[in-house]
Amino acid sequence: MHPEDIKAAIRKKGWTLSEASLAYGIPECAARQALRRPYFSGEFVIAEILSLSPRQIWPSRFDEDGNRVPQVRCSGKPIQFPTKRHCQKQEAA
């Protein structure tokens, strides 16, 4: 489904995306984020309100067996986390 179609369907049910997220106890932005990228809890809320499965709404996010397709980063490279963290010195200068 197109994101605007999803938003319209949510509004027809009497909800906003923010209200839906808060009503289900997840961050306010979760349902909005799910419109743009895979976001499990946001997808769940939208699917519950629309009485559909997330796979029916976003078929491209699932494979033919119904499993989630792994996310691919834009650069194709894994995120690199720093090996050293900034620490305070043990003694004051």
C-alpha atoms as a PDB file:
ATOM      1  CA  MET A   1       0.000   0.000   0.000  1.00  0.00           C
ATOM      2  CA  HIS A   2       1.116   3.542  -0.602  1.00  0.00           C
ATOM      3  CA  PRO A   3       1.917   5.500   2.591  1.00  0.00           C
ATOM      4  CA  GLU A   4      -0.785   8.077   1.827  1.00  0.00           C
ATOM      5  CA  ASP A   5      -3.351   5.289   1.421  1.00  0.00           C
ATOM      6  CA  ILE A   6      -2.315   3.880   4.799  1.00  0.00           C
ATOM      7  CA  LYS A   7      -2.615   7.295   6.448  1.00  0.00           C
ATOM      8  CA  ALA A   8      -6.055   7.836   4.892  1.00  0.00           C
ATOM      9  CA  ALA A   9      -7.245   4.417   6.065  1.00  0.00           C
ATOM     10  CA  ILE A  10      -6.016   5.154   9.597  1.00  0.00           C
ATOM     11  CA  ARG A  11      -7.849   8.507   9.573  1.00  0.00           C
ATOM     12  CA  LYS A  12     -11.044   6.817   8.328  1.00  0.00           C
ATOM     13  CA  LYS A  13     -10.881   4.569  11.403  1.00  0.00           C
ATOM     14  CA  GLY A  14     -10.792   7.701  13.585  1.00  0.00           C
ATOM     15  CA  TRP A  15      -7.112   7.643  14.518  1.00  0.00           C
ATOM     16  CA  THR A  16      -3.968   9.578  13.774  1.00  0.00           C
ATOM     17  CA  LEU A  17      -0.630   7.798  13.554  1.00  0.00           C
ATOM     18  CA  SER A  18       0.595   9.506  16.721  1.00  0.00           C
ATOM     19  CA  GLU A  19      -2.564   8.650  18.680  1.00  0.00           C
ATOM     20  CA  ALA A  20      -2.355   5.042  17.542  1.00  0.00           C
ATOM     21  CA  SER A  21       1.269   4.718  18.642  1.00  0.00           C
ATOM     22  CA  LEU A  22       0.579   6.211  22.057  1.00  0.00           C
ATOM     23  CA  ALA A  23      -2.563   4.115  22.553  1.00  0.00           C
ATOM     24  CA  TYR A  24      -0.512   0.944  22.021  1.00  0.00           C
ATOM     25  CA  GLY A  25       2.236   2.109  24.364  1.00  0.00           C
ATOM     26  CA  ILE A  26       4.993   2.626  21.819  1.00  0.00           C
ATOM     27  CA  PRO A  27       6.914   5.807  20.924  1.00  0.00           C
ATOM     28  CA  GLU A  28       4.779   8.477  19.281  1.00  0.00           C
ATOM     29  CA  CYS A  29       6.824   8.376  16.067  1.00  0.00           C
ATOM     30  CA  ALA A  30       6.771   4.560  15.642  1.00  0.00           C
ATOM     31  CA  ALA A  31       3.781   4.329  13.297  1.00  0.00           C
ATOM     32  CA  ARG A  32       5.048   7.243  11.207  1.00  0.00           C
ATOM     33  CA  GLN A  33       8.472   5.613  10.934  1.00  0.00           C
ATOM     34  CA  ALA A  34       6.867   2.365   9.765  1.00  0.00           C
ATOM     35  CA  LEU A  35       5.477   4.160   6.718  1.00  0.00           C
ATOM     36  CA  ARG A  36       9.011   4.911   5.500  1.00  0.00           C
ATOM     37  CA  ARG A  37      11.080   1.969   6.698  1.00  0.00           C
ATOM     38  CA  PRO A  38      10.663  -1.358   8.486  1.00  0.00           C
ATOM     39  CA  TYR A  39       9.750  -0.685  12.117  1.00  0.00           C
ATOM     40  CA  PHE A  40       8.213  -3.724  13.772  1.00  0.00           C
ATOM     41  CA  SER A  41       6.112  -2.095  16.517  1.00  0.00           C
ATOM     42  CA  GLY A  42       4.808   0.632  14.192  1.00  0.00           C
ATOM     43  CA  GLU A  43       3.879  -1.926  11.550  1.00  0.00           C
ATOM     44  CA  PHE A  44       2.055  -3.974  14.176  1.00  0.00           C
ATOM     45  CA  VAL A  45      -0.062  -1.008  15.324  1.00  0.00           C
ATOM     46  CA  ILE A  46      -1.022  -0.030  11.787  1.00  0.00           C
ATOM     47  CA  ALA A  47      -1.883  -3.619  10.897  1.00  0.00           C
ATOM     48  CA  GLU A  48      -4.020  -4.010  14.043  1.00  0.00           C
ATOM     49  CA  ILE A  49      -6.027  -0.865  13.339  1.00  0.00           C
ATOM     50  CA  LEU A  50      -6.558  -1.795   9.681  1.00  0.00           C
ATOM     51  CA  SER A  51      -7.330  -5.447  10.538  1.00  0.00           C
ATOM     52  CA  LEU A  52      -4.662  -6.638   8.100  1.00  0.00           C
ATOM     53  CA  SER A  53      -1.340  -8.395   8.480  1.00  0.00           C
ATOM     54  CA  PRO A  54       1.875  -6.397   8.012  1.00  0.00           C
ATOM     55  CA  ARG A  55       2.651  -8.677   5.068  1.00  0.00           C
ATOM     56  CA  GLN A  56      -0.550  -7.549   3.306  1.00  0.00           C
ATOM     57  CA  ILE A  57       0.344  -3.897   3.800  1.00  0.00           C
ATOM     58  CA  TRP A  58       4.091  -4.115   3.012  1.00  0.00           C
ATOM     59  CA  PRO A  59       4.663  -7.234   0.864  1.00  0.00           C
ATOM     60  CA  SER A  60       8.131  -6.020  -0.164  1.00  0.00           C
ATOM     61  CA  ARG A  61       9.301  -6.312   3.464  1.00  0.00           C
ATOM     62  CA  PHE A  62       8.648 -10.067   3.511  1.00  0.00           C
ATOM     63  CA  ASP A  63       9.862 -13.025   1.466  1.00  0.00           C
ATOM     64  CA  GLU A  64       7.606 -15.670  -0.088  1.00  0.00           C
ATOM     65  CA  ASP A  65       7.715 -17.749   3.122  1.00  0.00           C
ATOM     66  CA  GLY A  66       6.425 -14.836   5.203  1.00  0.00           C
ATOM     67  CA  ASN A  67       9.769 -14.085   6.864  1.00  0.00           C
ATOM     68  CA  ARG A  68      11.075 -10.548   7.119  1.00  0.00           C
ATOM     69  CA  VAL A  69      13.611  -9.520   4.501  1.00  0.00           C
ATOM     70  CA  PRO A  70      16.840  -8.276   6.141  1.00  0.00           C
ATOM     71  CA  GLN A  71      17.412  -4.547   5.877  1.00  0.00           C
ATOM     72  CA  VAL A  72      20.173  -3.415   3.530  1.00  0.00           C
ATOM     73  CA  ARG A  73      22.066  -0.250   4.340  1.00  0.00           C
ATOM     74  CA  CYS A  74      22.333   2.417   1.633  1.00  0.00           C
ATOM     75  CA  SER A  75      26.108   2.124   1.495  1.00  0.00           C
ATOM     76  CA  GLY A  76      26.031  -1.666   1.683  1.00  0.00           C
ATOM     77  CA  LYS A  77      28.570  -1.500   4.510  1.00  0.00           C
ATOM     78  CA  PRO A  78      27.871  -2.556   8.075  1.00  0.00           C
ATOM     79  CA  ILE A  79      27.810   0.125  10.719  1.00  0.00           C
ATOM     80  CA  GLN A  80      31.185   0.424  12.398  1.00  0.00           C
ATOM     81  CA  PHE A  81      31.207   1.231  16.072  1.00  0.00           C
ATOM     82  CA  PRO A  82      34.276   2.790  17.688  1.00  0.00           C
ATOM     83  CA  THR A  83      36.488   0.359  19.556  1.00  0.00           C
ATOM     84  CA  LYS A  84      37.640   2.902  22.145  1.00  0.00           C
ATOM     85  CA  ARG A  85      35.255   5.017  24.109  1.00  0.00           C
ATOM     86  CA  HIS A  86      35.991   8.413  25.556  1.00  0.00           C
ATOM     87  CA  CYS A  87      36.733   8.070  29.240  1.00  0.00           C
ATOM     88  CA  GLN A  88      37.658  10.453  31.954  1.00  0.00           C
ATOM     89  CA  LYS A  89      41.115  10.113  33.360  1.00  0.00           C
ATOM     90  CA  GLN A  90      41.393   8.310  36.649  1.00  0.00           C
ATOM     91  CA  GLU A  91      43.110  11.296  38.265  1.00  0.00           C
ATOM     92  CA  ALA A  92      42.323  14.966  37.947  1.00  0.00           C
ATOM     93  CA  ALA A  93      44.851  17.062  36.040  1.00  0.00           C
END
